[in-house]
């Protein structure tokens, strides 16, 4: 029997009203997916873990104790089983998440939240390395555009590319609607692998 936990990563005001506004999917879409997943998890008896990123109180983002550091009210006002705070991208790094999941016999971890290519991706990969089955909700995650010395990438391209890479052997990437149905039924979700993902791309290019 599948034992899931839903992990909601860094749905803090910084990503709505701060300097890192989520651009894709539109933050309203992502937030709607996250809250639907939380409600479905509660209805199915699936524990919900909220994660909050900490930075120094004098810092420019996620300043501990500030309004932008706080969880979005739609998240904060919903029931949760466990709350944790982190200082690194992965929800496992420097936290008790792994121990807590083990204490509750969780074998499958579902990730939602922000940002897709940063904290969600880092958490998903570490979850796999720690032996969990991993799931990520495509419309209940989101990110921003990047422009740095390595180049420019739009928020949509960054989001999509990260999820495509994850689905190729790291995490089952599905919509919130698909996950809600699977969670209610206690059913597993499909996962691709690098070989078949690459083969399908080659076939499509011919």
C-alpha atoms as a PDB file:
ATOM      1  CA  UNK A   1       0.000   0.000   0.000  1.00  0.00           C
ATOM      2  CA  UNK A   2       1.311   3.422  -0.951  1.00  0.00           C
ATOM      3  CA  UNK A   3       2.054   5.756   1.967  1.00  0.00           C
ATOM      4  CA  UNK A   4       2.219   9.279   0.605  1.00  0.00           C
ATOM      5  CA  UNK A   5       3.092  12.625   2.144  1.00  0.00           C
ATOM      6  CA  UNK A   6       2.487  15.977   0.445  1.00  0.00           C
ATOM      7  CA  UNK A   7       5.360  18.444   0.912  1.00  0.00           C
ATOM      8  CA  UNK A   8       4.553  22.099   0.232  1.00  0.00           C
ATOM      9  CA  UNK A   9       7.790  23.966  -0.387  1.00  0.00           C
ATOM     10  CA  UNK A  10       8.285  27.666   0.350  1.00  0.00           C
ATOM     11  CA  UNK A  11       4.857  29.033  -0.548  1.00  0.00           C
ATOM     12  CA  UNK A  12       5.822  32.312   1.083  1.00  0.00           C
ATOM     13  CA  UNK A  13       4.743  35.848   0.338  1.00  0.00           C
ATOM     14  CA  UNK A  14       8.174  36.575  -1.148  1.00  0.00           C
ATOM     15  CA  UNK A  15       6.984  34.743  -4.263  1.00  0.00           C
ATOM     16  CA  UNK A  16       3.815  36.813  -4.527  1.00  0.00           C
ATOM     17  CA  UNK A  17       4.519  40.298  -3.212  1.00  0.00           C
ATOM     18  CA  UNK A  18       8.308  40.279  -2.837  1.00  0.00           C
ATOM     19  CA  UNK A  19      11.206  40.490  -5.294  1.00  0.00           C
ATOM     20  CA  UNK A  20      10.687  36.982  -6.725  1.00  0.00           C
ATOM     21  CA  UNK A  21       7.117  36.979  -8.099  1.00  0.00           C
ATOM     22  CA  UNK A  22       6.306  33.630  -9.687  1.00  0.00           C
ATOM     23  CA  UNK A  23       5.841  34.107 -13.436  1.00  0.00           C
ATOM     24  CA  UNK A  24       5.004  30.628 -14.750  1.00  0.00           C
ATOM     25  CA  UNK A  25       2.581  29.090 -14.287  1.00  0.00           C
ATOM     26  CA  UNK A  26       0.768  32.265 -13.215  1.00  0.00           C
ATOM     27  CA  UNK A  27       1.030  32.352  -9.450  1.00  0.00           C
ATOM     28  CA  UNK A  28      -2.754  32.230  -9.067  1.00  0.00           C
ATOM     29  CA  UNK A  29      -2.807  28.956 -11.047  1.00  0.00           C
ATOM     30  CA  UNK A  30       0.003  27.435  -9.009  1.00  0.00           C
ATOM     31  CA  UNK A  31      -1.534  28.537  -5.717  1.00  0.00           C
ATOM     32  CA  UNK A  32      -4.891  27.063  -6.747  1.00  0.00           C
ATOM     33  CA  UNK A  33      -3.199  23.743  -7.517  1.00  0.00           C
ATOM     34  CA  UNK A  34      -1.328  23.754  -4.223  1.00  0.00           C
ATOM     35  CA  UNK A  35      -4.430  24.414  -2.141  1.00  0.00           C
ATOM     36  CA  UNK A  36      -6.438  21.784  -4.042  1.00  0.00           C
ATOM     37  CA  UNK A  37      -3.670  19.260  -3.407  1.00  0.00           C
ATOM     38  CA  UNK A  38      -3.593  20.158   0.289  1.00  0.00           C
ATOM     39  CA  UNK A  39      -7.360  19.776   0.585  1.00  0.00           C
ATOM     40  CA  UNK A  40      -7.320  16.459  -1.289  1.00  0.00           C
ATOM     41  CA  UNK A  41      -4.479  15.187   0.900  1.00  0.00           C
ATOM     42  CA  UNK A  42      -6.393  16.039   4.049  1.00  0.00           C
ATOM     43  CA  UNK A  43      -9.501  14.298   2.680  1.00  0.00           C
ATOM     44  CA  UNK A  44      -7.478  11.170   1.841  1.00  0.00           C
ATOM     45  CA  UNK A  45      -5.648  11.066   5.174  1.00  0.00           C
ATOM     46  CA  UNK A  46      -2.329  11.981   3.550  1.00  0.00           C
ATOM     47  CA  UNK A  47      -0.076  14.026   5.856  1.00  0.00           C
ATOM     48  CA  UNK A  48       0.890  17.515   4.707  1.00  0.00           C
ATOM     49  CA  UNK A  49       4.294  19.014   5.467  1.00  0.00           C
ATOM     50  CA  UNK A  50       4.915  22.735   4.964  1.00  0.00           C
ATOM     51  CA  UNK A  51       8.415  24.049   4.378  1.00  0.00           C
ATOM     52  CA  UNK A  52       9.546  27.627   4.955  1.00  0.00           C
ATOM     53  CA  UNK A  53      12.832  29.093   3.729  1.00  0.00           C
ATOM     54  CA  UNK A  54      14.841  31.182   6.209  1.00  0.00           C
ATOM     55  CA  UNK A  55      17.302  33.975   5.475  1.00  0.00           C
ATOM     56  CA  UNK A  56      18.851  36.466   7.921  1.00  0.00           C
ATOM     57  CA  UNK A  57      16.439  39.095   9.206  1.00  0.00           C
ATOM     58  CA  UNK A  58      18.535  41.821   7.563  1.00  0.00           C
ATOM     59  CA  UNK A  59      18.639  40.029   4.205  1.00  0.00           C
ATOM     60  CA  UNK A  60      16.966  41.160   0.968  1.00  0.00           C
ATOM     61  CA  UNK A  61      14.714  38.091   0.583  1.00  0.00           C
ATOM     62  CA  UNK A  62      12.963  35.662   2.952  1.00  0.00           C
ATOM     63  CA  UNK A  63      14.038  37.844   5.865  1.00  0.00           C
ATOM     64  CA  UNK A  64      13.065  35.813   8.907  1.00  0.00           C
ATOM     65  CA  UNK A  65      10.084  37.319  10.684  1.00  0.00           C
ATOM     66  CA  UNK A  66       9.099  39.645   7.828  1.00  0.00           C
ATOM     67  CA  UNK A  67       5.780  39.678   5.962  1.00  0.00           C
ATOM     68  CA  UNK A  68       7.424  38.341   2.807  1.00  0.00           C
ATOM     69  CA  UNK A  69       8.974  35.482   4.789  1.00  0.00           C
ATOM     70  CA  UNK A  70       5.586  34.381   6.103  1.00  0.00           C
ATOM     71  CA  UNK A  71       3.663  31.528   4.521  1.00  0.00           C
ATOM     72  CA  UNK A  72       0.885  32.657   2.203  1.00  0.00           C
ATOM     73  CA  UNK A  73      -2.383  32.798   4.192  1.00  0.00           C
ATOM     74  CA  UNK A  74      -4.007  30.133   1.980  1.00  0.00           C
ATOM     75  CA  UNK A  75      -1.259  27.767   3.118  1.00  0.00           C
ATOM     76  CA  UNK A  76      -0.919  28.932   6.707  1.00  0.00           C
ATOM     77  CA  UNK A  77      -4.658  28.607   7.350  1.00  0.00           C
ATOM     78  CA  UNK A  78      -4.884  24.988   6.204  1.00  0.00           C
ATOM     79  CA  UNK A  79      -4.215  22.021   8.500  1.00  0.00           C
ATOM     80  CA  UNK A  80      -0.752  20.483   8.344  1.00  0.00           C
ATOM     81  CA  UNK A  81       0.924  17.546  10.019  1.00  0.00           C
ATOM     82  CA  UNK A  82       4.424  18.987  10.259  1.00  0.00           C
ATOM     83  CA  UNK A  83       6.139  22.314   9.663  1.00  0.00           C
ATOM     84  CA  UNK A  84       9.821  22.805   9.085  1.00  0.00           C
ATOM     85  CA  UNK A  85      12.257  25.563   8.214  1.00  0.00           C
ATOM     86  CA  UNK A  86      15.302  25.290   5.992  1.00  0.00           C
ATOM     87  CA  UNK A  87      18.267  27.364   4.850  1.00  0.00           C
ATOM     88  CA  UNK A  88      19.329  25.350   1.779  1.00  0.00           C
ATOM     89  CA  UNK A  89      17.435  24.436  -1.414  1.00  0.00           C
ATOM     90  CA  UNK A  90      16.565  20.847  -0.494  1.00  0.00           C
ATOM     91  CA  UNK A  91      13.816  20.343   2.048  1.00  0.00           C
ATOM     92  CA  UNK A  92      15.940  17.530   3.491  1.00  0.00           C
ATOM     93  CA  UNK A  93      19.121  19.562   4.055  1.00  0.00           C
ATOM     94  CA  UNK A  94      19.563  20.501   7.687  1.00  0.00           C
ATOM     95  CA  UNK A  95      15.979  19.517   8.598  1.00  0.00           C
ATOM     96  CA  UNK A  96      14.209  16.589  10.221  1.00  0.00           C
ATOM     97  CA  UNK A  97      12.160  15.762   7.116  1.00  0.00           C
ATOM     98  CA  UNK A  98      13.755  12.370   6.452  1.00  0.00           C
ATOM     99  CA  UNK A  99      13.379  11.273  10.066  1.00  0.00           C
ATOM    100  CA  UNK A 100       9.789  12.509  10.209  1.00  0.00           C
ATOM    101  CA  UNK A 101       8.849  10.661   7.025  1.00  0.00           C
ATOM    102  CA  UNK A 102      10.475   7.499   8.370  1.00  0.00           C
ATOM    103  CA  UNK A 103       8.612   7.808  11.664  1.00  0.00           C
ATOM    104  CA  UNK A 104       5.358   7.892   9.685  1.00  0.00           C
ATOM    105  CA  UNK A 105       6.272   5.016   7.331  1.00  0.00           C
ATOM    106  CA  UNK A 106       6.097   7.282   4.263  1.00  0.00           C
ATOM    107  CA  UNK A 107       7.445   5.743   1.064  1.00  0.00           C
ATOM    108  CA  UNK A 108       6.162   8.249  -1.514  1.00  0.00           C
ATOM    109  CA  UNK A 109       6.774  11.997  -1.355  1.00  0.00           C
ATOM    110  CA  UNK A 110       4.799  14.479  -3.458  1.00  0.00           C
ATOM    111  CA  UNK A 111       6.266  17.957  -3.952  1.00  0.00           C
ATOM    112  CA  UNK A 112       4.503  21.213  -4.690  1.00  0.00           C
ATOM    113  CA  UNK A 113       5.657  24.820  -4.273  1.00  0.00           C
ATOM    114  CA  UNK A 114       8.428  27.127  -5.387  1.00  0.00           C
ATOM    115  CA  UNK A 115      10.778  27.351  -7.274  1.00  0.00           C
ATOM    116  CA  UNK A 116      10.554  24.500  -9.755  1.00  0.00           C
ATOM    117  CA  UNK A 117      14.226  24.342 -10.765  1.00  0.00           C
ATOM    118  CA  UNK A 118      15.641  25.263  -7.361  1.00  0.00           C
ATOM    119  CA  UNK A 119      14.074  24.007  -4.147  1.00  0.00           C
ATOM    120  CA  UNK A 120      11.547  21.641  -5.773  1.00  0.00           C
ATOM    121  CA  UNK A 121      14.136  20.058  -8.054  1.00  0.00           C
ATOM    122  CA  UNK A 122      16.728  19.785  -5.265  1.00  0.00           C
ATOM    123  CA  UNK A 123      14.197  18.206  -2.906  1.00  0.00           C
ATOM    124  CA  UNK A 124      12.917  15.748  -5.512  1.00  0.00           C
ATOM    125  CA  UNK A 125      16.389  14.527  -6.384  1.00  0.00           C
ATOM    126  CA  UNK A 126      17.418  14.114  -2.778  1.00  0.00           C
ATOM    127  CA  UNK A 127      14.182  12.255  -2.055  1.00  0.00           C
ATOM    128  CA  UNK A 128      15.043   9.759  -4.798  1.00  0.00           C
ATOM    129  CA  UNK A 129      18.558   9.348  -3.437  1.00  0.00           C
ATOM    130  CA  UNK A 130      17.114   8.639   0.000  1.00  0.00           C
ATOM    131  CA  UNK A 131      14.955   5.841  -1.365  1.00  0.00           C
ATOM    132  CA  UNK A 132      11.532   7.441  -1.778  1.00  0.00           C
ATOM    133  CA  UNK A 133       9.164   7.241  -4.707  1.00  0.00           C
ATOM    134  CA  UNK A 134       8.876  10.846  -5.864  1.00  0.00           C
ATOM    135  CA  UNK A 135       6.025  12.851  -7.395  1.00  0.00           C
ATOM    136  CA  UNK A 136       5.878  16.490  -8.545  1.00  0.00           C
ATOM    137  CA  UNK A 137       2.760  18.440  -9.500  1.00  0.00           C
ATOM    138  CA  UNK A 138       3.323  20.376 -12.710  1.00  0.00           C
ATOM    139  CA  UNK A 139       0.631  23.033 -12.168  1.00  0.00           C
ATOM    140  CA  UNK A 140       1.205  23.341  -8.421  1.00  0.00           C
ATOM    141  CA  UNK A 141       4.823  24.457  -8.801  1.00  0.00           C
ATOM    142  CA  UNK A 142       6.237  27.568 -10.444  1.00  0.00           C
ATOM    143  CA  UNK A 143       9.258  29.716 -11.129  1.00  0.00           C
ATOM    144  CA  UNK A 144      10.714  32.967 -12.492  1.00  0.00           C
ATOM    145  CA  UNK A 145      12.816  33.859 -15.537  1.00  0.00           C
ATOM    146  CA  UNK A 146      16.609  33.871 -15.188  1.00  0.00           C
ATOM    147  CA  UNK A 147      19.198  36.124 -16.824  1.00  0.00           C
ATOM    148  CA  UNK A 148      22.809  35.739 -15.756  1.00  0.00           C
ATOM    149  CA  UNK A 149      26.307  35.155 -17.105  1.00  0.00           C
ATOM    150  CA  UNK A 150      25.258  31.748 -18.425  1.00  0.00           C
ATOM    151  CA  UNK A 151      22.396  33.211 -20.481  1.00  0.00           C
ATOM    152  CA  UNK A 152      18.678  33.934 -20.417  1.00  0.00           C
ATOM    153  CA  UNK A 153      15.794  31.517 -19.966  1.00  0.00           C
ATOM    154  CA  UNK A 154      12.106  32.318 -19.697  1.00  0.00           C
ATOM    155  CA  UNK A 155      10.113  31.143 -16.704  1.00  0.00           C
ATOM    156  CA  UNK A 156       8.054  28.784 -18.885  1.00  0.00           C
ATOM    157  CA  UNK A 157      11.090  27.181 -20.509  1.00  0.00           C
ATOM    158  CA  UNK A 158      12.842  26.806 -17.160  1.00  0.00           C
ATOM    159  CA  UNK A 159       9.746  25.291 -15.556  1.00  0.00           C
ATOM    160  CA  UNK A 160       8.992  22.930 -18.429  1.00  0.00           C
ATOM    161  CA  UNK A 161      12.585  21.781 -18.935  1.00  0.00           C
ATOM    162  CA  UNK A 162      13.013  21.026 -15.232  1.00  0.00           C
ATOM    163  CA  UNK A 163       9.830  18.969 -15.110  1.00  0.00           C
ATOM    164  CA  UNK A 164      10.681  17.083 -18.307  1.00  0.00           C
ATOM    165  CA  UNK A 165      14.080  16.208 -16.855  1.00  0.00           C
ATOM    166  CA  UNK A 166      12.534  15.091 -13.567  1.00  0.00           C
ATOM    167  CA  UNK A 167       9.970  12.869 -15.285  1.00  0.00           C
ATOM    168  CA  UNK A 168      12.787  11.097 -17.123  1.00  0.00           C
ATOM    169  CA  UNK A 169      13.625   8.876 -14.176  1.00  0.00           C
ATOM    170  CA  UNK A 170      13.511  11.075 -11.047  1.00  0.00           C
ATOM    171  CA  UNK A 171       9.878  11.867 -10.302  1.00  0.00           C
ATOM    172  CA  UNK A 172       6.426  11.186 -11.684  1.00  0.00           C
ATOM    173  CA  UNK A 173       5.314  14.581 -12.994  1.00  0.00           C
ATOM    174  CA  UNK A 174       1.537  14.960 -13.197  1.00  0.00           C
ATOM    175  CA  UNK A 175      -1.159  17.608 -12.909  1.00  0.00           C
ATOM    176  CA  UNK A 176      -2.927  18.299  -9.651  1.00  0.00           C
ATOM    177  CA  UNK A 177      -6.104  16.737 -11.067  1.00  0.00           C
ATOM    178  CA  UNK A 178      -4.251  13.541 -11.952  1.00  0.00           C
ATOM    179  CA  UNK A 179      -2.613  13.418  -8.537  1.00  0.00           C
ATOM    180  CA  UNK A 180      -5.864  13.992  -6.656  1.00  0.00           C
ATOM    181  CA  UNK A 181      -7.416  10.998  -8.435  1.00  0.00           C
ATOM    182  CA  UNK A 182      -4.388   8.804  -7.715  1.00  0.00           C
ATOM    183  CA  UNK A 183      -4.245   9.922  -4.086  1.00  0.00           C
ATOM    184  CA  UNK A 184      -7.923   9.139  -3.521  1.00  0.00           C
ATOM    185  CA  UNK A 185      -7.459   5.686  -5.049  1.00  0.00           C
ATOM    186  CA  UNK A 186      -4.107   4.986  -3.422  1.00  0.00           C
ATOM    187  CA  UNK A 187      -2.753   4.347  -6.908  1.00  0.00           C
ATOM    188  CA  UNK A 188       0.817   4.755  -8.214  1.00  0.00           C
ATOM    189  CA  UNK A 189       1.718   7.213 -10.969  1.00  0.00           C
ATOM    190  CA  UNK A 190       3.715   6.558 -14.157  1.00  0.00           C
ATOM    191  CA  UNK A 191       7.410   7.423 -14.423  1.00  0.00           C
ATOM    192  CA  UNK A 192       9.551   7.542 -17.554  1.00  0.00           C
ATOM    193  CA  UNK A 193      13.301   6.891 -17.775  1.00  0.00           C
ATOM    194  CA  UNK A 194      16.266   8.462 -19.595  1.00  0.00           C
ATOM    195  CA  UNK A 195      16.405   5.798 -22.310  1.00  0.00           C
ATOM    196  CA  UNK A 196      12.767   5.951 -23.347  1.00  0.00           C
ATOM    197  CA  UNK A 197      12.661   9.746 -23.036  1.00  0.00           C
ATOM    198  CA  UNK A 198      15.667  10.093 -25.312  1.00  0.00           C
ATOM    199  CA  UNK A 199      14.346   7.506 -27.760  1.00  0.00           C
ATOM    200  CA  UNK A 200      11.009   9.290 -28.021  1.00  0.00           C
ATOM    201  CA  UNK A 201      12.784  12.584 -28.721  1.00  0.00           C
ATOM    202  CA  UNK A 202      14.883  10.983 -31.476  1.00  0.00           C
ATOM    203  CA  UNK A 203      11.796   9.437 -33.024  1.00  0.00           C
ATOM    204  CA  UNK A 204       9.953  12.753 -32.968  1.00  0.00           C
ATOM    205  CA  UNK A 205      12.903  14.468 -34.698  1.00  0.00           C
ATOM    206  CA  UNK A 206      12.924  12.054 -37.647  1.00  0.00           C
END
